[in-house]
Amino acid sequence: MDTNVNLKAVADMCNGYVGADLAALCREAGMASLRRSMQVIQQDTAQETVTMQDWEHAHLKVGPSIVRGAIVEVPKVLWEDIGGLKEVKV
């Protein structure tokens, strides 16, 4: 793990995660690090560390399983359906 990784920030990103989610997050961060090091292996400058960017990339791909399958219903509301505030709607 890179010395610049802020584990407190990683933990703060994981609100609602269960053990399997955390395992998937760690695996994805490791894979992001591996992909990055494979891109620079020809230059012999490959780093074999997981950086904060790898954790952030993993967080974009792996979310908490508690919200998977939850359906968010957003009603279709037009400006014409909202009464008042004519100055704002113009």
PDB file of N, CA and C in Angstrom:
ATOM      1  N   MET A   1       0.856  -1.164   0.000  1.00  0.00           N
ATOM      2  CA  MET A   1       0.000   0.000   0.000  1.00  0.00           C
ATOM      3  C   MET A   1       0.905   1.231   0.000  1.00  0.00           C
ATOM      4  N   ASP A   2       0.524   2.206  -0.815  1.00  0.00           N
ATOM      5  CA  ASP A   2       1.283   3.443  -0.913  1.00  0.00           C
ATOM      6  C   ASP A   2       1.193   4.206   0.413  1.00  0.00           C
ATOM      7  N   THR A   3       2.237   4.921   0.746  1.00  0.00           N
ATOM      8  CA  THR A   3       2.262   5.651   2.021  1.00  0.00           C
ATOM      9  C   THR A   3       1.298   6.832   2.029  1.00  0.00           C
ATOM     10  N   ASN A   4       0.846   7.287   0.856  1.00  0.00           N
ATOM     11  CA  ASN A   4      -0.075   8.423   0.784  1.00  0.00           C
ATOM     12  C   ASN A   4      -1.545   8.017   0.900  1.00  0.00           C
ATOM     13  N   VAL A   5      -1.829   6.737   1.056  1.00  0.00           N
ATOM     14  CA  VAL A   5      -3.208   6.276   1.181  1.00  0.00           C
ATOM     15  C   VAL A   5      -3.744   6.676   2.548  1.00  0.00           C
ATOM     16  N   ASN A   6      -4.883   7.347   2.545  1.00  0.00           N
ATOM     17  CA  ASN A   6      -5.532   7.776   3.774  1.00  0.00           C
ATOM     18  C   ASN A   6      -6.637   6.759   4.091  1.00  0.00           C
ATOM     19  N   LEU A   7      -6.344   5.814   4.974  1.00  0.00           N
ATOM     20  CA  LEU A   7      -7.316   4.768   5.284  1.00  0.00           C
ATOM     21  C   LEU A   7      -8.565   5.317   5.960  1.00  0.00           C
ATOM     22  N   LYS A   8      -8.443   6.426   6.671  1.00  0.00           N
ATOM     23  CA  LYS A   8      -9.630   7.058   7.267  1.00  0.00           C
ATOM     24  C   LYS A   8     -10.568   7.531   6.168  1.00  0.00           C
ATOM     25  N   ALA A   9     -10.014   8.122   5.104  1.00  0.00           N
ATOM     26  CA  ALA A   9     -10.838   8.577   3.982  1.00  0.00           C
ATOM     27  C   ALA A   9     -11.467   7.387   3.259  1.00  0.00           C
ATOM     28  N   VAL A  10     -10.720   6.302   3.128  1.00  0.00           N
ATOM     29  CA  VAL A  10     -11.270   5.098   2.500  1.00  0.00           C
ATOM     30  C   VAL A  10     -12.414   4.558   3.348  1.00  0.00           C
ATOM     31  N   ALA A  11     -12.224   4.527   4.652  1.00  0.00           N
ATOM     32  CA  ALA A  11     -13.277   4.051   5.548  1.00  0.00           C
ATOM     33  C   ALA A  11     -14.509   4.953   5.476  1.00  0.00           C
ATOM     34  N   ASP A  12     -14.304   6.261   5.369  1.00  0.00           N
ATOM     35  CA  ASP A  12     -15.427   7.188   5.267  1.00  0.00           C
ATOM     36  C   ASP A  12     -16.220   6.979   3.983  1.00  0.00           C
ATOM     37  N   MET A  13     -15.551   6.505   2.918  1.00  0.00           N
ATOM     38  CA  MET A  13     -16.228   6.240   1.647  1.00  0.00           C
ATOM     39  C   MET A  13     -17.119   5.004   1.719  1.00  0.00           C
ATOM     40  N   CYS A  14     -16.921   4.182   2.728  1.00  0.00           N
ATOM     41  CA  CYS A  14     -17.544   2.859   2.764  1.00  0.00           C
ATOM     42  C   CYS A  14     -18.770   2.784   3.662  1.00  0.00           C
ATOM     43  N   ASN A  15     -19.484   3.864   3.821  1.00  0.00           N
ATOM     44  CA  ASN A  15     -20.694   3.859   4.636  1.00  0.00           C
ATOM     45  C   ASN A  15     -21.730   2.933   3.997  1.00  0.00           C
ATOM     46  N   GLY A  16     -22.226   1.973   4.760  1.00  0.00           N
ATOM     47  CA  GLY A  16     -23.232   1.039   4.268  1.00  0.00           C
ATOM     48  C   GLY A  16     -22.657  -0.223   3.646  1.00  0.00           C
ATOM     49  N   TYR A  17     -21.340  -0.345   3.587  1.00  0.00           N
ATOM     50  CA  TYR A  17     -20.723  -1.527   2.995  1.00  0.00           C
ATOM     51  C   TYR A  17     -20.737  -2.678   3.998  1.00  0.00           C
ATOM     52  N   VAL A  18     -20.961  -3.876   3.511  1.00  0.00           N
ATOM     53  CA  VAL A  18     -20.844  -5.076   4.346  1.00  0.00           C
ATOM     54  C   VAL A  18     -19.511  -5.743   4.015  1.00  0.00           C
ATOM     55  N   GLY A  19     -19.194  -6.822   4.688  1.00  0.00           N
ATOM     56  CA  GLY A  19     -17.908  -7.484   4.504  1.00  0.00           C
ATOM     57  C   GLY A  19     -17.615  -7.860   3.062  1.00  0.00           C
ATOM     58  N   ALA A  20     -18.607  -8.397   2.362  1.00  0.00           N
ATOM     59  CA  ALA A  20     -18.402  -8.785   0.957  1.00  0.00           C
ATOM     60  C   ALA A  20     -18.134  -7.560   0.089  1.00  0.00           C
ATOM     61  N   ASP A  21     -18.780  -6.438   0.397  1.00  0.00           N
ATOM     62  CA  ASP A  21     -18.547  -5.204  -0.350  1.00  0.00           C
ATOM     63  C   ASP A  21     -17.118  -4.716  -0.143  1.00  0.00           C
ATOM     64  N   LEU A  22     -16.636  -4.804   1.100  1.00  0.00           N
ATOM     65  CA  LEU A  22     -15.271  -4.383   1.402  1.00  0.00           C
ATOM     66  C   LEU A  22     -14.253  -5.284   0.704  1.00  0.00           C
ATOM     67  N   ALA A  23     -14.549  -6.581   0.649  1.00  0.00           N
ATOM     68  CA  ALA A  23     -13.661  -7.507  -0.061  1.00  0.00           C
ATOM     69  C   ALA A  23     -13.621  -7.167  -1.548  1.00  0.00           C
ATOM     70  N   ALA A  24     -14.780  -6.865  -2.133  1.00  0.00           N
ATOM     71  CA  ALA A  24     -14.842  -6.495  -3.546  1.00  0.00           C
ATOM     72  C   ALA A  24     -14.115  -5.172  -3.792  1.00  0.00           C
ATOM     73  N   LEU A  25     -14.228  -4.241  -2.859  1.00  0.00           N
ATOM     74  CA  LEU A  25     -13.547  -2.957  -2.982  1.00  0.00           C
ATOM     75  C   LEU A  25     -12.031  -3.154  -2.959  1.00  0.00           C
ATOM     76  N   CYS A  26     -11.540  -3.968  -2.032  1.00  0.00           N
ATOM     77  CA  CYS A  26     -10.099  -4.251  -1.955  1.00  0.00           C
ATOM     78  C   CYS A  26      -9.609  -4.950  -3.212  1.00  0.00           C
ATOM     79  N   ARG A  27     -10.390  -5.904  -3.697  1.00  0.00           N
ATOM     80  CA  ARG A  27     -10.010  -6.627  -4.910  1.00  0.00           C
ATOM     81  C   ARG A  27      -9.957  -5.674  -6.108  1.00  0.00           C
ATOM     82  N   GLU A  28     -10.940  -4.794  -6.234  1.00  0.00           N
ATOM     83  CA  GLU A  28     -10.974  -3.850  -7.350  1.00  0.00           C
ATOM     84  C   GLU A  28      -9.836  -2.838  -7.262  1.00  0.00           C
ATOM     85  N   ALA A  29      -9.499  -2.386  -6.064  1.00  0.00           N
ATOM     86  CA  ALA A  29      -8.363  -1.467  -5.901  1.00  0.00           C
ATOM     87  C   ALA A  29      -7.066  -2.164  -6.290  1.00  0.00           C
ATOM     88  N   GLY A  30      -6.920  -3.419  -5.905  1.00  0.00           N
ATOM     89  CA  GLY A  30      -5.736  -4.187  -6.288  1.00  0.00           C
ATOM     90  C   GLY A  30      -5.648  -4.390  -7.793  1.00  0.00           C
ATOM     91  N   MET A  31      -6.791  -4.650  -8.423  1.00  0.00           N
ATOM     92  CA  MET A  31      -6.809  -4.833  -9.873  1.00  0.00           C
ATOM     93  C   MET A  31      -6.498  -3.520 -10.585  1.00  0.00           C
ATOM     94  N   ALA A  32      -6.973  -2.403 -10.054  1.00  0.00           N
ATOM     95  CA  ALA A  32      -6.661  -1.095 -10.647  1.00  0.00           C
ATOM     96  C   ALA A  32      -5.164  -0.830 -10.567  1.00  0.00           C
ATOM     97  N   SER A  33      -4.560  -1.179  -9.454  1.00  0.00           N
ATOM     98  CA  SER A  33      -3.122  -1.018  -9.292  1.00  0.00           C
ATOM     99  C   SER A  33      -2.364  -1.907 -10.276  1.00  0.00           C
ATOM    100  N   LEU A  34      -2.834  -3.130 -10.435  1.00  0.00           N
ATOM    101  CA  LEU A  34      -2.189  -4.069 -11.362  1.00  0.00           C
ATOM    102  C   LEU A  34      -2.293  -3.569 -12.805  1.00  0.00           C
ATOM    103  N   ARG A  35      -3.487  -3.080 -13.197  1.00  0.00           N
ATOM    104  CA  ARG A  35      -3.650  -2.548 -14.551  1.00  0.00           C
ATOM    105  C   ARG A  35      -2.720  -1.364 -14.789  1.00  0.00           C
ATOM    106  N   ARG A  36      -2.610  -0.501 -13.784  1.00  0.00           N
ATOM    107  CA  ARG A  36      -1.740   0.666 -13.909  1.00  0.00           C
ATOM    108  C   ARG A  36      -0.282   0.243 -14.045  1.00  0.00           C
ATOM    109  N   SER A  37       0.145  -0.706 -13.253  1.00  0.00           N
ATOM    110  CA  SER A  37       1.547  -1.136 -13.316  1.00  0.00           C
ATOM    111  C   SER A  37       1.840  -1.906 -14.594  1.00  0.00           C
ATOM    112  N   MET A  38       0.861  -2.597 -15.150  1.00  0.00           N
ATOM    113  CA  MET A  38       1.060  -3.301 -16.417  1.00  0.00           C
ATOM    114  C   MET A  38       1.237  -2.317 -17.571  1.00  0.00           C
ATOM    115  N   GLN A  39       0.640  -1.139 -17.471  1.00  0.00           N
ATOM    116  CA  GLN A  39       0.767  -0.134 -18.528  1.00  0.00           C
ATOM    117  C   GLN A  39       2.171   0.454 -18.580  1.00  0.00           C
ATOM    118  N   VAL A  40       2.851   0.510 -17.449  1.00  0.00           N
ATOM    119  CA  VAL A  40       4.177   1.125 -17.410  1.00  0.00           C
ATOM    120  C   VAL A  40       5.299   0.103 -17.274  1.00  0.00           C
ATOM    121  N   ILE A  41       4.968  -1.168 -17.398  1.00  0.00           N
ATOM    122  CA  ILE A  41       5.997  -2.203 -17.196  1.00  0.00           C
ATOM    123  C   ILE A  41       7.069  -2.141 -18.281  1.00  0.00           C
ATOM    124  N   GLN A  42       6.709  -1.661 -19.466  1.00  0.00           N
ATOM    125  CA  GLN A  42       7.709  -1.560 -20.522  1.00  0.00           C
ATOM    126  C   GLN A  42       8.770  -0.517 -20.179  1.00  0.00           C
ATOM    127  N   GLN A  43       8.424   0.433 -19.357  1.00  0.00           N
ATOM    128  CA  GLN A  43       9.366   1.500 -19.003  1.00  0.00           C
ATOM    129  C   GLN A  43      10.187   1.154 -17.763  1.00  0.00           C
ATOM    130  N   ASP A  44       9.973  -0.011 -17.195  1.00  0.00           N
ATOM    131  CA  ASP A  44      10.651  -0.453 -15.972  1.00  0.00           C
ATOM    132  C   ASP A  44      10.447   0.499 -14.797  1.00  0.00           C
ATOM    133  N   THR A  45       9.294   1.176 -14.774  1.00  0.00           N
ATOM    134  CA  THR A  45       8.985   2.070 -13.655  1.00  0.00           C
ATOM    135  C   THR A  45       7.722   1.615 -12.941  1.00  0.00           C
ATOM    136  N   ALA A  46       7.391   0.365 -13.060  1.00  0.00           N
ATOM    137  CA  ALA A  46       6.153  -0.148 -12.479  1.00  0.00           C
ATOM    138  C   ALA A  46       6.186  -0.063 -10.955  1.00  0.00           C
ATOM    139  N   GLN A  47       5.094   0.429 -10.402  1.00  0.00           N
ATOM    140  CA  GLN A  47       4.931   0.457  -8.946  1.00  0.00           C
ATOM    141  C   GLN A  47       3.965  -0.650  -8.580  1.00  0.00           C
ATOM    142  N   GLU A  48       4.295  -1.383  -7.583  1.00  0.00           N
ATOM    143  CA  GLU A  48       3.419  -2.457  -7.143  1.00  0.00           C
ATOM    144  C   GLU A  48       2.732  -2.064  -5.840  1.00  0.00           C
ATOM    145  N   THR A  49       2.187  -0.863  -5.813  1.00  0.00           N
ATOM    146  CA  THR A  49       1.484  -0.389  -4.625  1.00  0.00           C
ATOM    147  C   THR A  49       0.080   0.060  -5.009  1.00  0.00           C
ATOM    148  N   VAL A  50      -0.815  -0.010  -4.044  1.00  0.00           N
ATOM    149  CA  VAL A  50      -2.177   0.481  -4.235  1.00  0.00           C
ATOM    150  C   VAL A  50      -2.195   1.935  -3.773  1.00  0.00           C
ATOM    151  N   THR A  51      -2.570   2.831  -4.676  1.00  0.00           N
ATOM    152  CA  THR A  51      -2.581   4.260  -4.369  1.00  0.00           C
ATOM    153  C   THR A  51      -3.989   4.722  -4.000  1.00  0.00           C
ATOM    154  N   MET A  52      -4.082   5.954  -3.549  1.00  0.00           N
ATOM    155  CA  MET A  52      -5.385   6.531  -3.221  1.00  0.00           C
ATOM    156  C   MET A  52      -6.259   6.608  -4.469  1.00  0.00           C
ATOM    157  N   GLN A  53      -5.648   6.866  -5.623  1.00  0.00           N
ATOM    158  CA  GLN A  53      -6.414   6.879  -6.881  1.00  0.00           C
ATOM    159  C   GLN A  53      -7.024   5.511  -7.168  1.00  0.00           C
ATOM    160  N   ASP A  54      -6.316   4.446  -6.838  1.00  0.00           N
ATOM    161  CA  ASP A  54      -6.855   3.096  -7.031  1.00  0.00           C
ATOM    162  C   ASP A  54      -8.073   2.866  -6.149  1.00  0.00           C
ATOM    163  N   TRP A  55      -8.009   3.350  -4.906  1.00  0.00           N
ATOM    164  CA  TRP A  55      -9.156   3.216  -4.003  1.00  0.00           C
ATOM    165  C   TRP A  55     -10.347   4.024  -4.521  1.00  0.00           C
ATOM    166  N   GLU A  56     -10.089   5.228  -5.010  1.00  0.00           N
ATOM    167  CA  GLU A  56     -11.174   6.061  -5.525  1.00  0.00           C
ATOM    168  C   GLU A  56     -11.790   5.439  -6.774  1.00  0.00           C
ATOM    169  N   HIS A  57     -10.957   4.866  -7.633  1.00  0.00           N
ATOM    170  CA  HIS A  57     -11.463   4.182  -8.826  1.00  0.00           C
ATOM    171  C   HIS A  57     -12.331   2.984  -8.421  1.00  0.00           C
ATOM    172  N   ALA A  58     -11.861   2.232  -7.445  1.00  0.00           N
ATOM    173  CA  ALA A  58     -12.611   1.067  -6.970  1.00  0.00           C
ATOM    174  C   ALA A  58     -13.945   1.486  -6.369  1.00  0.00           C
ATOM    175  N   HIS A  59     -13.943   2.601  -5.662  1.00  0.00           N
ATOM    176  CA  HIS A  59     -15.173   3.081  -5.031  1.00  0.00           C
ATOM    177  C   HIS A  59     -16.224   3.450  -6.072  1.00  0.00           C
ATOM    178  N   LEU A  60     -15.794   3.930  -7.232  1.00  0.00           N
ATOM    179  CA  LEU A  60     -16.736   4.246  -8.308  1.00  0.00           C
ATOM    180  C   LEU A  60     -17.366   2.981  -8.887  1.00  0.00           C
ATOM    181  N   LYS A  61     -16.649   1.870  -8.840  1.00  0.00           N
ATOM    182  CA  LYS A  61     -17.141   0.624  -9.420  1.00  0.00           C
ATOM    183  C   LYS A  61     -17.909  -0.246  -8.424  1.00  0.00           C
ATOM    184  N   VAL A  62     -17.534  -0.183  -7.156  1.00  0.00           N
ATOM    185  CA  VAL A  62     -18.127  -1.062  -6.147  1.00  0.00           C
ATOM    186  C   VAL A  62     -18.905  -0.217  -5.152  1.00  0.00           C
ATOM    187  N   GLY A  63     -20.194  -0.413  -5.107  1.00  0.00           N
ATOM    188  CA  GLY A  63     -21.035   0.319  -4.165  1.00  0.00           C
ATOM    189  C   GLY A  63     -21.554  -0.606  -3.081  1.00  0.00           C
ATOM    190  N   PRO A  64     -22.229  -0.048  -2.090  1.00  0.00           N
ATOM    191  CA  PRO A  64     -22.786  -0.893  -1.023  1.00  0.00           C
ATOM    192  C   PRO A  64     -23.916  -1.764  -1.559  1.00  0.00           C
ATOM    193  N   SER A  65     -23.920  -3.019  -1.182  1.00  0.00           N
ATOM    194  CA  SER A  65     -24.929  -3.948  -1.694  1.00  0.00           C
ATOM    195  C   SER A  65     -26.319  -3.633  -1.153  1.00  0.00           C
ATOM    196  N   ILE A  66     -26.393  -2.867  -0.095  1.00  0.00           N
ATOM    197  CA  ILE A  66     -27.694  -2.546   0.482  1.00  0.00           C
ATOM    198  C   ILE A  66     -28.552  -1.708  -0.473  1.00  0.00           C
ATOM    199  N   VAL A  67     -27.905  -0.940  -1.354  1.00  0.00           N
ATOM    200  CA  VAL A  67     -28.682  -0.116  -2.282  1.00  0.00           C
ATOM    201  C   VAL A  67     -28.866  -0.784  -3.638  1.00  0.00           C
ATOM    202  N   ARG A  68     -28.211  -1.925  -3.865  1.00  0.00           N
ATOM    203  CA  ARG A  68     -28.413  -2.648  -5.110  1.00  0.00           C
ATOM    204  C   ARG A  68     -29.828  -3.198  -5.126  1.00  0.00           C
ATOM    205  N   GLY A  69     -30.482  -3.032  -6.210  1.00  0.00           N
ATOM    206  CA  GLY A  69     -31.843  -3.530  -6.337  1.00  0.00           C
ATOM    207  C   GLY A  69     -32.886  -2.552  -5.834  1.00  0.00           C
ATOM    208  N   ALA A  70     -32.454  -1.497  -5.202  1.00  0.00           N
ATOM    209  CA  ALA A  70     -33.404  -0.481  -4.756  1.00  0.00           C
ATOM    210  C   ALA A  70     -33.801   0.365  -5.959  1.00  0.00           C
ATOM    211  N   ILE A  71     -35.070   0.581  -6.089  1.00  0.00           N
ATOM    212  CA  ILE A  71     -35.576   1.348  -7.217  1.00  0.00           C
ATOM    213  C   ILE A  71     -35.950   2.737  -6.720  1.00  0.00           C
ATOM    214  N   VAL A  72     -35.392   3.721  -7.377  1.00  0.00           N
ATOM    215  CA  VAL A  72     -35.711   5.096  -7.035  1.00  0.00           C
ATOM    216  C   VAL A  72     -36.707   5.602  -8.060  1.00  0.00           C
ATOM    217  N   GLU A  73     -37.843   6.025  -7.580  1.00  0.00           N
ATOM    218  CA  GLU A  73     -38.872   6.525  -8.470  1.00  0.00           C
ATOM    219  C   GLU A  73     -38.832   8.044  -8.483  1.00  0.00           C
ATOM    220  N   VAL A  74     -38.626   8.608  -9.641  1.00  0.00           N
ATOM    221  CA  VAL A  74     -38.594  10.053  -9.786  1.00  0.00           C
ATOM    222  C   VAL A  74     -39.797  10.452 -10.629  1.00  0.00           C
ATOM    223  N   PRO A  75     -40.767  11.119 -10.010  1.00  0.00           N
ATOM    224  CA  PRO A  75     -41.943  11.501 -10.790  1.00  0.00           C
ATOM    225  C   PRO A  75     -41.588  12.568 -11.822  1.00  0.00           C
ATOM    226  N   LYS A  76     -42.283  12.516 -12.955  1.00  0.00           N
ATOM    227  CA  LYS A  76     -42.045  13.499 -14.001  1.00  0.00           C
ATOM    228  C   LYS A  76     -42.878  14.741 -13.678  1.00  0.00           C
ATOM    229  N   VAL A  77     -42.196  15.791 -13.266  1.00  0.00           N
ATOM    230  CA  VAL A  77     -42.853  17.044 -12.913  1.00  0.00           C
ATOM    231  C   VAL A  77     -42.310  18.135 -13.829  1.00  0.00           C
ATOM    232  N   LEU A  78     -43.186  18.817 -14.476  1.00  0.00           N
ATOM    233  CA  LEU A  78     -42.801  19.911 -15.359  1.00  0.00           C
ATOM    234  C   LEU A  78     -42.948  21.234 -14.629  1.00  0.00           C
ATOM    235  N   TRP A  79     -42.292  22.278 -15.159  1.00  0.00           N
ATOM    236  CA  TRP A  79     -42.412  23.597 -14.549  1.00  0.00           C
ATOM    237  C   TRP A  79     -43.867  24.068 -14.545  1.00  0.00           C
ATOM    238  N   GLU A  80     -44.627  23.649 -15.549  1.00  0.00           N
ATOM    239  CA  GLU A  80     -46.043  24.060 -15.613  1.00  0.00           C
ATOM    240  C   GLU A  80     -46.869  23.455 -14.479  1.00  0.00           C
ATOM    241  N   ASP A  81     -46.408  22.336 -13.936  1.00  0.00           N
ATOM    242  CA  ASP A  81     -47.125  21.664 -12.834  1.00  0.00           C
ATOM    243  C   ASP A  81     -46.891  22.355 -11.491  1.00  0.00           C
ATOM    244  N   ILE A  82     -45.888  23.207 -11.412  1.00  0.00           N
ATOM    245  CA  ILE A  82     -45.547  23.864 -10.156  1.00  0.00           C
ATOM    246  C   ILE A  82     -46.194  25.252 -10.143  1.00  0.00           C
ATOM    247  N   GLY A  83     -46.936  25.516  -9.088  1.00  0.00           N
ATOM    248  CA  GLY A  83     -47.644  26.781  -8.994  1.00  0.00           C
ATOM    249  C   GLY A  83     -46.782  27.864  -8.360  1.00  0.00           C
ATOM    250  N   GLY A  84     -46.983  29.108  -8.761  1.00  0.00           N
ATOM    251  CA  GLY A  84     -46.289  30.235  -8.177  1.00  0.00           C
ATOM    252  C   GLY A  84     -44.891  30.419  -8.726  1.00  0.00           C
ATOM    253  N   LEU A  85     -44.167  31.366  -8.162  1.00  0.00           N
ATOM    254  CA  LEU A  85     -42.793  31.683  -8.511  1.00  0.00           C
ATOM    255  C   LEU A  85     -42.604  31.941 -10.015  1.00  0.00           C
ATOM    256  N   LYS A  86     -43.510  32.709 -10.579  1.00  0.00           N
ATOM    257  CA  LYS A  86     -43.456  32.979 -12.015  1.00  0.00           C
ATOM    258  C   LYS A  86     -42.163  33.671 -12.411  1.00  0.00           C
ATOM    259  N   GLU A  87     -41.636  34.533 -11.522  1.00  0.00           N
ATOM    260  CA  GLU A  87     -40.388  35.248 -11.840  1.00  0.00           C
ATOM    261  C   GLU A  87     -39.202  34.280 -11.984  1.00  0.00           C
ATOM    262  N   VAL A  88     -39.209  33.223 -11.198  1.00  0.00           N
ATOM    263  CA  VAL A  88     -38.109  32.262 -11.213  1.00  0.00           C
ATOM    264  C   VAL A  88     -38.202  31.356 -12.438  1.00  0.00           C
ATOM    265  N   LYS A  89     -39.406  30.992 -12.834  1.00  0.00           N
ATOM    266  CA  LYS A  89     -39.601  30.055 -13.927  1.00  0.00           C
ATOM    267  C   LYS A  89     -39.373  30.670 -15.296  1.00  0.00           C
ATOM    268  N   VAL A  90     -39.272  31.995 -15.380  1.00  0.00           N
ATOM    269  CA  VAL A  90     -39.102  32.639 -16.693  1.00  0.00           C
ATOM    270  C   VAL A  90     -37.710  32.554 -17.177  1.00  0.00           C
TER     271      VAL A  90
END
